[in-house]
Amino acid sequence: MRAKSSSLCQLRRQSEPRHARVAVACVVGALLTIAPAEAAGHHIRHRDGESCRNMLHAFLPVSGRDAALVVDGQSGQVLYARNAAAERHPASLTKMMTLYLLFDALKAHRISLATPITISRHAAAQLKVNLNLSPGMTMSVETAIKAIIVKSANDVAVAVAEAVGGTEGHFAQLMTAKARAIGMRNTFYHNASGLPDVLQVTTADDLALLARRLAYDFPQYYPYFATPSFSYHGMTYYTHDNLLYRFKGTDGIKTGFTNASGFNLVSSVVRDGAHVIGVVMGGNTALQRDNEMVRLLAATFVRVHADPSLVEHGVIPWKSPPAESVSPPPAAVALPGPPAPVIALAAPTFNALLAKSGEIDEDMAESYVGDASGPEEQPNCVPRRSSRRV
């Protein structure tokens, strides 16, 4: 084990700076030579051994909520799996299915992007994260899509559920039925938002499948998942999906958090005709989750570069001209203005906050970063703020 790990960590690329070579060597060694169950008892050794040990320590699974999966987006072929079939809570990844049913209604012309959605008392009563909407207010379907993707607004998700399914309860039944119809065998929905519910469960396997179906069933709407921000009633809201800025080729799709789930993320990346989908669940902090996703995706593309036959290469439908006329798809561009200060709160302090405050809303949770560190392909330039008045 040590000899093999050492040889991997001594990989050299003359065109890269020394610290970049160390990061690539460590992520490849960690992914390809250390099984998750063994990892805690082994260190990769090389002449930068201390840096490598510290880097690996940040990525080791530390909780029963942990799961990870990387698949070829075009074929569904599994490229990496860790607890992929284990039951987990989706949190706001639930909204991926909420949007799937909304896109289905759009595709069938039952509604349009301009259709107004009315906020009911039930929708307005949803806990944070929300837009603080009042009963009787309306917004267009297109604005609702952006509010769900960018803000992860629970009140808007419920309003969409009522518009499409009549009641949130009936919509949840439709969500579970659709999950079975597309092959998600271990997912059960009881609400449209992902707010805490012990009966609302899924797996990394099912979420990767749902991400693939969102992309390939609705290429005309999928680009909304790359929306960096949107404005509504004088406020501008910013995405929590930091990989849009950190990892080259990322085009969405969704973050999620509850106390029970930990920090979840599903990511989609397209490079040179290859489409890869990653799922990370149960992170202790948003930063740790993001770093783990970067580690898995970076190591995957190293493998794909070495052996292109690992994944299919072809035309990516949502990268081509849209089949239907919709509003111009949003581009993942740098956010305006200087970044807001990052609130650096170590993981133990965050855990103490959870114990003291009970359920933490997603906005608050995503605003905190732990002390985990790891490789970044690009600087993390996303402001750690969720909204600002314009």
Protein backbone atom coordinates (compact mmCIF):
# COMPACT_ATOMS: atom_id res chain seq x y z
CA MET A 1 0.00 0.00 0.00
CA ARG A 2 2.69 2.51 1.01
CA ALA A 3 4.91 1.80 -2.00
CA LYS A 4 2.02 2.26 -4.37
CA SER A 5 0.82 5.41 -2.64
CA SER A 6 4.34 6.82 -2.64
CA SER A 7 4.75 6.34 -6.37
CA LEU A 8 1.45 8.09 -7.03
CA CYS A 9 2.36 11.00 -4.79
CA GLN A 10 5.66 11.44 -6.70
CA LEU A 11 3.87 12.26 -9.97
CA ARG A 12 5.41 15.26 -11.62
CA ARG A 13 4.13 17.70 -14.17
CA GLN A 14 6.83 20.12 -15.23
CA SER A 15 4.37 22.82 -16.29
CA GLU A 16 2.71 23.04 -12.86
CA PRO A 17 3.98 24.76 -9.70
CA ARG A 18 5.17 22.50 -6.90
CA HIS A 19 2.13 23.01 -4.65
CA ALA A 20 -0.20 22.14 -7.53
CA ARG A 21 1.70 18.89 -8.17
CA VAL A 22 1.37 17.99 -4.51
CA ALA A 23 -2.39 18.60 -4.56
CA VAL A 24 -2.93 16.50 -7.71
CA ALA A 25 -0.73 13.71 -6.38
CA CYS A 26 -2.59 13.63 -3.09
CA VAL A 27 -6.07 13.60 -4.57
CA VAL A 28 -5.19 10.87 -7.05
CA GLY A 29 -3.50 8.80 -4.38
CA ALA A 30 -6.40 9.25 -1.99
CA LEU A 31 -9.03 8.34 -4.54
CA LEU A 32 -7.36 5.45 -6.29
CA THR A 33 -5.36 3.69 -3.58
CA ILE A 34 -7.13 4.18 -0.27
CA ALA A 35 -10.46 2.56 0.47
CA PRO A 36 -12.67 4.81 2.66
CA ALA A 37 -12.76 2.27 5.49
CA GLU A 38 -8.97 2.00 5.52
CA ALA A 39 -8.13 5.64 5.04
CA ALA A 40 -8.08 6.65 8.68
CA GLY A 41 -5.19 4.31 9.37
CA HIS A 42 -2.91 5.16 6.45
CA HIS A 43 -0.98 8.20 5.29
CA ILE A 44 0.46 8.84 1.87
CA ARG A 45 4.22 9.39 2.12
CA HIS A 46 6.38 11.55 -0.07
CA ARG A 47 8.82 14.35 0.48
CA ASP A 48 5.90 16.70 1.10
CA GLY A 49 4.37 14.12 3.45
CA GLU A 50 3.09 16.51 6.10
CA SER A 51 1.12 18.57 3.57
CA CYS A 52 -0.34 15.43 2.05
CA ARG A 53 -1.37 14.02 5.43
CA ASN A 54 -3.06 17.28 6.40
CA MET A 55 -4.87 17.43 3.07
CA LEU A 56 -6.15 13.88 3.33
CA HIS A 57 -7.30 14.38 6.92
CA ALA A 58 -9.72 17.08 5.79
CA PHE A 59 -11.38 14.68 3.35
CA LEU A 60 -11.85 11.57 5.47
CA PRO A 61 -15.48 10.61 6.13
CA VAL A 62 -16.30 11.44 9.72
CA SER A 63 -20.01 10.79 10.11
CA GLY A 64 -22.74 8.27 9.36
CA ARG A 65 -24.30 10.84 7.04
CA ASP A 66 -21.42 10.54 4.58
CA ALA A 67 -21.98 9.41 0.98
CA ALA A 68 -20.32 10.20 -2.32
CA LEU A 69 -20.73 9.20 -5.96
CA VAL A 70 -19.25 10.19 -9.30
CA VAL A 71 -20.84 9.03 -12.56
CA ASP A 72 -20.51 9.58 -16.29
CA GLY A 73 -23.36 11.98 -17.00
CA GLN A 74 -23.99 10.59 -20.47
CA SER A 75 -23.97 6.85 -19.73
CA GLY A 76 -24.54 6.69 -15.98
CA GLN A 77 -21.40 4.56 -15.56
CA VAL A 78 -20.17 4.69 -11.95
CA LEU A 79 -16.65 6.11 -11.65
CA TYR A 80 -16.45 6.31 -7.85
CA ALA A 81 -18.82 5.30 -5.05
CA ARG A 82 -18.86 5.53 -1.26
CA ASN A 83 -22.03 4.63 0.66
CA ALA A 84 -23.89 5.38 -2.57
CA ALA A 85 -26.85 3.13 -1.73
CA ALA A 86 -27.08 4.16 1.94
CA GLU A 87 -30.25 5.94 3.07
CA ARG A 88 -29.70 9.66 3.54
CA HIS A 89 -31.81 12.80 3.98
CA PRO A 90 -31.87 14.98 0.84
CA ALA A 91 -32.58 18.36 2.49
CA SER A 92 -32.94 20.95 -0.30
CA LEU A 93 -31.78 18.46 -2.92
CA THR A 94 -35.50 17.62 -2.72
CA LYS A 95 -36.07 20.69 -4.87
CA MET A 96 -34.40 18.92 -7.79
CA MET A 97 -37.54 16.77 -8.06
CA THR A 98 -39.79 19.77 -7.44
CA LEU A 99 -38.17 21.39 -10.45
CA TYR A 100 -38.32 18.16 -12.47
CA LEU A 101 -42.12 18.15 -12.16
CA LEU A 102 -42.27 21.87 -12.91
CA PHE A 103 -40.14 21.42 -16.03
CA ASP A 104 -42.37 18.50 -17.01
CA ALA A 105 -45.41 20.78 -16.81
CA LEU A 106 -43.60 23.43 -18.88
CA LYS A 107 -42.61 20.90 -21.53
CA ALA A 108 -46.20 19.67 -21.74
CA HIS A 109 -47.42 23.29 -22.11
CA ARG A 110 -49.66 23.02 -19.05
CA ILE A 111 -48.00 26.22 -17.83
CA SER A 112 -45.55 28.75 -19.26
CA LEU A 113 -42.58 30.65 -17.90
CA ALA A 114 -44.84 33.71 -17.62
CA THR A 115 -47.64 31.95 -15.72
CA PRO A 116 -48.20 33.69 -12.36
CA ILE A 117 -47.90 31.56 -9.21
CA THR A 118 -49.93 32.69 -6.21
CA ILE A 119 -48.53 32.37 -2.70
CA SER A 120 -50.98 30.62 -0.36
CA ARG A 121 -51.10 30.87 3.43
CA HIS A 122 -49.51 27.44 3.63
CA ALA A 123 -46.68 28.46 1.31
CA ALA A 124 -46.10 31.75 3.14
CA ALA A 125 -45.86 29.89 6.46
CA GLN A 126 -42.83 27.83 5.41
CA LEU A 127 -39.74 28.15 7.58
CA LYS A 128 -36.48 29.61 6.34
CA VAL A 129 -34.92 29.65 3.88
CA ASN A 130 -37.69 31.75 2.31
CA LEU A 131 -38.39 35.04 0.58
CA ASN A 132 -40.74 36.22 3.36
CA LEU A 133 -43.64 36.21 0.93
CA SER A 134 -47.16 37.15 2.04
CA PRO A 135 -50.35 35.28 1.10
CA GLY A 136 -51.79 36.57 -2.16
CA MET A 137 -48.45 37.68 -3.63
CA THR A 138 -47.58 36.35 -7.08
CA MET A 139 -44.47 35.68 -9.10
CA SER A 140 -43.85 34.24 -12.55
CA VAL A 141 -42.84 30.63 -13.05
CA GLU A 142 -39.47 31.80 -14.34
CA THR A 143 -38.80 33.85 -11.21
CA ALA A 144 -39.91 30.88 -9.10
CA ILE A 145 -37.37 28.65 -10.85
CA LYS A 146 -34.58 31.10 -10.03
CA ALA A 147 -35.77 31.51 -6.44
CA ILE A 148 -35.69 27.76 -5.91
CA ILE A 149 -32.29 27.25 -7.53
CA VAL A 150 -30.47 30.30 -6.18
CA LYS A 151 -32.16 31.02 -2.83
CA SER A 152 -33.54 27.52 -2.20
CA ALA A 153 -36.71 29.30 -1.11
CA ASN A 154 -39.05 26.95 0.73
CA ASP A 155 -42.10 29.18 0.39
CA VAL A 156 -41.64 29.30 -3.39
CA ALA A 157 -41.11 25.53 -3.62
CA VAL A 158 -44.43 24.94 -1.85
CA ALA A 159 -46.19 27.51 -4.05
CA VAL A 160 -44.91 25.64 -7.11
CA ALA A 161 -46.09 22.35 -5.62
CA GLU A 162 -49.58 23.77 -5.14
CA ALA A 163 -49.65 25.26 -8.64
CA VAL A 164 -48.69 21.96 -10.24
CA GLY A 165 -50.24 19.41 -7.87
CA GLY A 166 -53.11 21.23 -6.16
CA THR A 167 -51.77 20.61 -2.64
CA GLU A 168 -48.28 20.00 -1.32
CA GLY A 169 -49.34 16.59 -0.04
CA HIS A 170 -50.59 15.49 -3.45
CA PHE A 171 -47.51 16.95 -5.10
CA ALA A 172 -45.29 14.89 -2.79
CA GLN A 173 -47.14 11.78 -3.97
CA LEU A 174 -46.48 12.84 -7.55
CA MET A 175 -42.82 13.34 -6.68
CA THR A 176 -42.46 9.82 -5.31
CA ALA A 177 -44.38 8.38 -8.27
CA LYS A 178 -42.09 10.19 -10.71
CA ALA A 179 -39.06 8.97 -8.78
CA ARG A 180 -40.19 5.37 -9.35
CA ALA A 181 -41.01 6.06 -12.99
CA ILE A 182 -37.48 7.24 -13.76
CA GLY A 183 -35.77 4.51 -11.75
CA MET A 184 -35.19 6.12 -8.33
CA ARG A 185 -36.00 3.07 -6.21
CA ASN A 186 -35.00 4.25 -2.74
CA THR A 187 -36.35 7.80 -2.57
CA PHE A 188 -39.49 8.85 -0.72
CA TYR A 189 -40.87 12.39 -0.69
CA HIS A 190 -43.19 13.90 1.91
CA ASN A 191 -42.76 17.59 1.11
CA ALA A 192 -41.66 19.79 -1.79
CA SER A 193 -39.01 21.82 0.00
CA GLY A 194 -36.72 19.40 1.83
CA LEU A 195 -37.49 20.83 5.26
CA PRO A 196 -36.81 18.26 7.99
CA ASP A 197 -38.92 15.10 7.75
CA VAL A 198 -37.68 11.74 9.05
CA LEU A 199 -39.61 9.95 6.29
CA GLN A 200 -38.03 11.97 3.47
CA VAL A 201 -35.05 9.89 2.34
CA THR A 202 -32.95 9.21 -0.73
CA THR A 203 -29.56 7.83 -1.79
CA ALA A 204 -26.60 9.22 -3.68
CA ASP A 205 -27.39 6.71 -6.44
CA ASP A 206 -30.89 8.12 -6.86
CA LEU A 207 -29.73 11.74 -6.78
CA ALA A 208 -27.16 11.14 -9.52
CA LEU A 209 -29.88 9.58 -11.65
CA LEU A 210 -32.19 12.53 -11.02
CA ALA A 211 -29.43 14.98 -11.96
CA ARG A 212 -28.88 13.10 -15.23
CA ARG A 213 -32.59 13.10 -16.02
CA LEU A 214 -32.92 16.82 -15.30
CA ALA A 215 -30.08 17.57 -17.70
CA TYR A 216 -31.05 15.25 -20.55
CA ASP A 217 -34.84 15.34 -20.25
CA PHE A 218 -34.96 19.14 -20.07
CA PRO A 219 -31.91 20.61 -21.83
CA GLN A 220 -33.96 23.72 -22.63
CA TYR A 221 -34.44 24.47 -18.92
CA TYR A 222 -31.35 22.90 -17.38
CA PRO A 223 -29.16 26.05 -17.86
CA TYR A 224 -31.14 27.73 -15.08
CA PHE A 225 -29.09 25.64 -12.65
CA ALA A 226 -26.09 27.83 -13.48
CA THR A 227 -27.89 31.00 -12.32
CA PRO A 228 -25.47 32.96 -10.08
CA SER A 229 -28.03 35.44 -8.72
CA PHE A 230 -31.49 36.89 -9.22
CA SER A 231 -33.40 39.95 -8.06
CA TYR A 232 -36.90 40.16 -6.65
CA HIS A 233 -38.71 43.06 -4.98
CA GLY A 234 -35.58 45.16 -4.57
CA MET A 235 -33.36 42.39 -3.22
CA THR A 236 -30.60 40.49 -5.02
CA TYR A 237 -29.98 36.91 -3.91
CA TYR A 238 -26.78 34.95 -4.54
CA THR A 239 -26.21 31.26 -5.11
CA HIS A 240 -24.74 28.92 -2.50
CA ASP A 241 -23.24 26.76 -5.24
CA ASN A 242 -19.60 27.72 -4.91
CA LEU A 243 -18.38 25.17 -7.44
CA LEU A 244 -19.76 27.37 -10.22
CA TYR A 245 -16.76 29.58 -9.46
CA ARG A 246 -14.24 27.11 -8.07
CA PHE A 247 -14.20 24.30 -10.58
CA LYS A 248 -13.84 24.78 -14.32
CA GLY A 249 -16.77 23.50 -16.36
CA THR A 250 -19.31 23.36 -13.50
CA ASP A 251 -22.84 24.19 -14.68
CA GLY A 252 -24.93 23.50 -11.52
CA ILE A 253 -26.87 22.02 -9.87
CA LYS A 254 -27.97 22.16 -6.15
CA THR A 255 -26.89 22.47 -2.52
CA GLY A 256 -28.78 21.38 0.58
CA PHE A 257 -28.56 21.38 4.37
CA THR A 258 -30.52 20.33 7.43
CA ASN A 259 -29.17 19.27 10.81
CA ALA A 260 -30.02 15.66 9.99
CA SER A 261 -28.54 15.62 6.49
CA GLY A 262 -25.38 17.66 6.94
CA PHE A 263 -24.12 19.60 3.94
CA ASN A 264 -25.14 18.09 0.60
CA LEU A 265 -24.16 18.95 -2.96
CA VAL A 266 -24.86 17.64 -6.44
CA SER A 267 -22.56 19.03 -9.14
CA SER A 268 -22.46 18.76 -12.92
CA VAL A 269 -19.27 19.44 -14.89
CA VAL A 270 -18.70 19.46 -18.65
CA ARG A 271 -15.17 19.46 -20.09
CA ASP A 272 -14.15 18.66 -23.66
CA GLY A 273 -17.35 16.79 -24.47
CA ALA A 274 -17.25 14.75 -21.25
CA HIS A 275 -20.03 15.18 -18.69
CA VAL A 276 -19.44 14.12 -15.08
CA ILE A 277 -21.91 14.29 -12.19
CA GLY A 278 -20.82 14.25 -8.56
CA VAL A 279 -22.81 13.77 -5.36
CA VAL A 280 -21.46 14.53 -1.88
CA MET A 281 -23.65 14.12 1.20
CA GLY A 282 -23.22 14.63 4.92
CA GLY A 283 -20.44 17.22 5.01
CA ASN A 284 -19.69 18.80 8.38
CA THR A 285 -19.37 22.28 6.86
CA ALA A 286 -20.09 23.82 3.47
CA LEU A 287 -16.37 24.23 2.82
CA GLN A 288 -15.57 20.63 3.70
CA ARG A 289 -18.35 19.47 1.38
CA ASP A 290 -17.12 21.69 -1.44
CA ASN A 291 -13.52 20.55 -0.97
CA GLU A 292 -14.58 16.92 -1.10
CA MET A 293 -16.47 17.53 -4.33
CA VAL A 294 -13.45 19.30 -5.85
CA ARG A 295 -11.21 16.41 -4.78
CA LEU A 296 -13.45 13.78 -6.37
CA LEU A 297 -14.04 15.71 -9.58
CA ALA A 298 -10.38 16.68 -10.01
CA ALA A 299 -9.24 13.09 -9.55
CA THR A 300 -11.93 11.90 -11.98
CA PHE A 301 -10.81 14.26 -14.73
CA VAL A 302 -7.18 13.22 -14.17
CA ARG A 303 -8.31 9.65 -14.85
CA VAL A 304 -10.41 10.71 -17.86
CA HIS A 305 -7.47 12.63 -19.30
CA ALA A 306 -5.30 9.53 -18.97
CA ASP A 307 -7.99 7.21 -20.35
CA PRO A 308 -10.73 9.03 -22.34
CA SER A 309 -12.62 5.74 -22.80
CA LEU A 310 -13.72 5.91 -19.14
CA VAL A 311 -16.59 8.21 -20.17
CA GLU A 312 -18.63 8.85 -23.26
CA HIS A 313 -17.89 11.94 -25.32
CA GLY A 314 -20.54 13.60 -27.41
CA VAL A 315 -22.79 16.58 -27.95
CA ILE A 316 -24.06 18.03 -24.68
CA PRO A 317 -27.68 19.04 -25.42
CA TRP A 318 -27.89 22.10 -23.16
CA LYS A 319 -24.62 23.42 -24.58
CA SER A 320 -26.24 23.49 -28.04
CA PRO A 321 -28.88 26.00 -29.21
CA PRO A 322 -32.08 25.39 -27.19
CA ALA A 323 -34.80 23.32 -28.82
CA GLU A 324 -37.49 25.63 -27.44
CA SER A 325 -37.71 29.37 -27.14
CA VAL A 326 -37.08 30.37 -23.54
CA SER A 327 -35.48 33.34 -21.87
CA PRO A 328 -31.72 33.55 -22.50
CA PRO A 329 -30.06 31.00 -20.23
CA PRO A 330 -28.14 32.59 -17.37
CA ALA A 331 -24.37 32.52 -17.51
CA ALA A 332 -22.17 31.66 -14.54
CA VAL A 333 -20.26 34.94 -14.36
CA ALA A 334 -18.44 36.59 -11.49
CA LEU A 335 -20.74 38.30 -9.03
CA PRO A 336 -20.71 42.11 -8.99
CA GLY A 337 -18.98 44.06 -6.28
CA PRO A 338 -16.28 43.06 -3.82
CA PRO A 339 -16.73 39.87 -1.81
CA ALA A 340 -18.28 40.22 1.61
CA PRO A 341 -16.11 39.11 4.53
CA VAL A 342 -16.08 35.38 5.09
CA ILE A 343 -17.32 34.26 8.49
CA ALA A 344 -14.68 31.73 9.46
CA LEU A 345 -16.13 29.48 12.13
CA ALA A 346 -14.38 26.22 12.95
CA ALA A 347 -16.41 23.02 12.72
CA PRO A 348 -16.50 22.38 16.50
CA THR A 349 -17.94 25.87 17.01
CA PHE A 350 -20.55 25.24 14.33
CA ASN A 351 -21.52 21.96 16.02
CA ALA A 352 -21.88 23.85 19.28
CA LEU A 353 -24.17 26.33 17.53
CA LEU A 354 -26.31 23.46 16.27
CA ALA A 355 -26.61 22.04 19.77
CA LYS A 356 -27.61 25.41 21.19
CA SER A 357 -29.93 26.71 18.49
CA GLY A 358 -31.71 23.60 17.23
CA GLU A 359 -32.50 23.46 13.51
CA ILE A 360 -30.31 25.90 11.54
CA ASP A 361 -31.67 27.30 8.29
CA GLU A 362 -29.72 26.74 5.10
CA ASP A 363 -28.73 30.38 4.61
CA MET A 364 -27.12 30.55 8.04
CA ALA A 365 -25.44 27.18 7.64
CA GLU A 366 -23.98 28.01 4.23
CA SER A 367 -22.56 31.26 5.63
CA TYR A 368 -20.19 29.36 7.89
CA VAL A 369 -17.00 27.67 6.81
CA GLY A 370 -14.98 25.20 8.84
CA ASP A 371 -11.24 24.73 9.09
CA ALA A 372 -11.04 22.01 6.43
CA SER A 373 -8.68 22.78 3.58
CA GLY A 374 -8.12 21.22 0.22
CA PRO A 375 -7.25 21.71 -3.44
CA GLU A 376 -8.97 24.35 -5.46
CA GLU A 377 -8.80 24.58 -9.23
CA GLN A 378 -9.80 28.22 -9.07
CA PRO A 379 -9.97 30.68 -6.16
CA ASN A 380 -13.22 30.54 -4.26
CA CYS A 381 -14.42 34.04 -5.14
CA VAL A 382 -18.06 33.65 -4.16
CA PRO A 383 -19.24 36.24 -1.65
CA ARG A 384 -20.41 34.52 1.54
CA ARG A 385 -23.65 36.46 1.57
CA SER A 386 -27.08 35.36 0.49
CA SER A 387 -28.73 38.63 -0.42
CA ARG A 388 -28.38 42.39 -0.62
CA ARG A 389 -30.76 45.24 -1.30
CA VAL A 390 -30.52 46.97 -4.67
